[in-house]
C-alpha atoms as a PDB file:
ATOM      1  CA  MET A   1      -0.069  -0.578   0.048  1.00  0.00           C
ATOM      2  CA  GLY A   2       2.802   2.225   1.052  1.00  0.00           C
ATOM      3  CA  LYS A   3       3.946   2.490  -3.534  1.00  0.00           C
ATOM      4  CA  LYS A   4      -0.291   3.126  -3.672  1.00  0.00           C
ATOM      5  CA  ASN A   5       0.214   6.633  -1.765  1.00  0.00           C
ATOM      6  CA  GLU A   6       3.238   7.179  -3.205  1.00  0.00           C
ATOM      7  CA  LEU A   7       1.784   6.973  -6.277  1.00  0.00           C
ATOM      8  CA  THR A   8      -1.636   8.387  -5.645  1.00  0.00           C
ATOM      9  CA  ALA A   9       0.862  11.735  -3.689  1.00  0.00           C
ATOM     10  CA  ALA A  10       2.432  12.089  -7.041  1.00  0.00           C
ATOM     11  CA  THR A  11      -0.455  11.845  -8.945  1.00  0.00           C
ATOM     12  CA  GLU A  12      -2.011  14.704  -7.067  1.00  0.00           C
ATOM     13  CA  ARG A  13       1.458  16.868  -7.053  1.00  0.00           C
ATOM     14  CA  LEU A  14       1.053  16.334 -11.090  1.00  0.00           C
ATOM     15  CA  ASP A  15      -2.686  17.178 -11.197  1.00  0.00           C
ATOM     16  CA  SER A  16      -1.654  20.515  -8.967  1.00  0.00           C
ATOM     17  CA  ALA A  17       0.776  21.392 -10.994  1.00  0.00           C
ATOM     18  CA  LEU A  18      -0.674  20.942 -14.039  1.00  0.00           C
ATOM     19  CA  LYS A  19      -3.718  22.948 -12.643  1.00  0.00           C
ATOM     20  CA  VAL A  20      -0.923  26.226 -11.835  1.00  0.00           C
ATOM     21  CA  MET A  21       0.451  25.923 -15.374  1.00  0.00           C
ATOM     22  CA  GLU A  22      -3.177  26.456 -17.318  1.00  0.00           C
ATOM     23  CA  GLU A  23      -3.619  29.031 -14.751  1.00  0.00           C
ATOM     24  CA  LYS A  24      -0.305  30.570 -15.796  1.00  0.00           C
ATOM     25  CA  VAL A  25      -0.883  29.734 -19.629  1.00  0.00           C
ATOM     26  CA  ALA A  26      -4.222  31.359 -19.328  1.00  0.00           C
ATOM     27  CA  SER A  27      -3.225  34.533 -17.433  1.00  0.00           C
ATOM     28  CA  ARG A  28      -0.681  34.982 -20.328  1.00  0.00           C
ATOM     29  CA  ARG A  29      -3.322  34.792 -23.024  1.00  0.00           C
ATOM     30  CA  GLN A  30      -5.373  37.189 -21.509  1.00  0.00           C
ATOM     31  CA  GLU A  31      -2.698  39.657 -21.279  1.00  0.00           C
ATOM     32  CA  ASP A  32      -1.993  38.992 -24.586  1.00  0.00           C
ATOM     33  CA  LEU A  33      -5.321  39.698 -25.789  1.00  0.00           C
ATOM     34  CA  GLN A  34      -5.286  42.976 -23.507  1.00  0.00           C
ATOM     35  CA  ARG A  35      -2.543  44.079 -25.174  1.00  0.00           C
ATOM     36  CA  GLU A  36      -3.785  43.227 -28.687  1.00  0.00           C
ATOM     37  CA  SER A  37      -6.439  45.303 -27.587  1.00  0.00           C
ATOM     38  CA  LEU A  38      -4.756  49.032 -26.401  1.00  0.00           C
ATOM     39  CA  GLU A  39      -1.830  48.288 -29.482  1.00  0.00           C
ATOM     40  CA  GLU A  40      -5.706  48.488 -31.718  1.00  0.00           C
ATOM     41  CA  GLN A  41      -6.869  51.007 -30.097  1.00  0.00           C
ATOM     42  CA  VAL A  42      -3.468  53.229 -30.139  1.00  0.00           C
ATOM     43  CA  GLN A  43      -3.535  52.708 -33.913  1.00  0.00           C
ATOM     44  CA  THR A  44      -7.444  53.856 -34.085  1.00  0.00           C
ATOM     45  CA  LEU A  45      -6.057  56.958 -32.553  1.00  0.00           C
ATOM     46  CA  GLU A  46      -3.134  57.497 -34.149  1.00  0.00           C
ATOM     47  CA  ALA A  47      -5.426  57.345 -37.086  1.00  0.00           C
ATOM     48  CA  ARG A  48      -7.699  59.808 -36.284  1.00  0.00           C
ATOM     49  CA  LEU A  49      -4.764  62.333 -35.177  1.00  0.00           C
ATOM     50  CA  ASP A  50      -3.979  61.792 -38.606  1.00  0.00           C
ATOM     51  CA  GLU A  51      -7.397  62.838 -39.727  1.00  0.00           C
ATOM     52  CA  GLU A  52      -7.998  65.692 -37.447  1.00  0.00           C
ATOM     53  CA  ARG A  53      -4.103  67.227 -38.309  1.00  0.00           C
ATOM     54  CA  ALA A  54      -5.165  66.701 -42.553  1.00  0.00           C
ATOM     55  CA  ARG A  55      -8.671  68.360 -41.093  1.00  0.00           C
ATOM     56  CA  ASN A  56      -6.823  71.039 -39.555  1.00  0.00           C
ATOM     57  CA  GLN A  57      -4.825  72.113 -42.547  1.00  0.00           C
ATOM     58  CA  LYS A  58      -7.668  72.829 -44.748  1.00  0.00           C
ATOM     59  CA  LEU A  59      -8.938  75.240 -42.293  1.00  0.00           C
ATOM     60  CA  VAL A  60      -6.247  76.640 -41.535  1.00  0.00           C
ATOM     61  CA  ALA A  61      -5.746  76.877 -45.665  1.00  0.00           C
ATOM     62  CA  ALA A  62     -10.052  78.112 -45.966  1.00  0.00           C
ATOM     63  CA  ASN A  63      -9.064  80.601 -43.203  1.00  0.00           C
ATOM     64  CA  GLU A  64      -6.191  81.900 -44.834  1.00  0.00           C
ATOM     65  CA  ASP A  65      -7.922  82.272 -48.220  1.00  0.00           C
ATOM     66  CA  ALA A  66     -10.986  83.813 -46.666  1.00  0.00           C
ATOM     67  CA  THR A  67      -9.035  86.410 -44.609  1.00  0.00           C
ATOM     68  CA  GLN A  68      -7.097  86.946 -48.146  1.00  0.00           C
ATOM     69  CA  ARG A  69     -10.730  87.853 -49.797  1.00  0.00           C
ATOM     70  CA  ILE A  70     -12.012  90.108 -47.191  1.00  0.00           C
ATOM     71  CA  ASP A  71      -8.250  92.037 -47.383  1.00  0.00           C
ATOM     72  CA  LYS A  72      -9.244  92.638 -51.344  1.00  0.00           C
ATOM     73  CA  VAL A  73     -12.819  93.706 -50.165  1.00  0.00           C
ATOM     74  CA  MET A  74     -11.601  95.725 -48.059  1.00  0.00           C
ATOM     75  CA  SER A  75      -8.879  97.704 -49.870  1.00  0.00           C
ATOM     76  CA  SER A  76     -11.687  97.771 -52.958  1.00  0.00           C
ATOM     77  CA  ILE A  77     -13.959  99.458 -50.712  1.00  0.00           C
ATOM     78  CA  GLU A  78     -11.503 101.881 -49.335  1.00  0.00           C
ATOM     79  CA  GLY A  79     -10.655 102.921 -52.850  1.00  0.00           C
ATOM     80  CA  MET A  80     -13.906 103.672 -54.041  1.00  0.00           C
ATOM     81  CA  LEU A  81     -14.570 105.375 -51.141  1.00  0.00           C
ATOM     82  CA  GLN A  82     -11.031 107.700 -51.198  1.00  0.00           C
ATOM     83  CA  SER A  83     -12.382 108.170 -55.098  1.00  0.00           C
ATOM     84  CA  GLU A  84     -15.728 109.738 -53.959  1.00  0.00           C
END
C-alpha cells in the first residue's frame, strides 16, 4: 500500500502543477489579448489624429483664403471711398 499512496500523492502533485500551469497560460493569454486590444486602440487613435491634422490643415488654408478675400474687398471699398 505504500507504493499506492506514493503514486496517488505523485499524481496529486502532478495534477496540482498542471492546474497552476494552466492558470498561468490562461493569465498570459489574457494579458496578450489585452495588449493586442490596447495596440489596436492606439492605432485607431493615431489614425484619427492624422485625420484631424489633415482637417486642421484644410481649415487653416480656408482661413487664409478667406482672410485674403476680405483684405481685397476692404481695399476695394477703401479705394472706392477715397475716389468719391
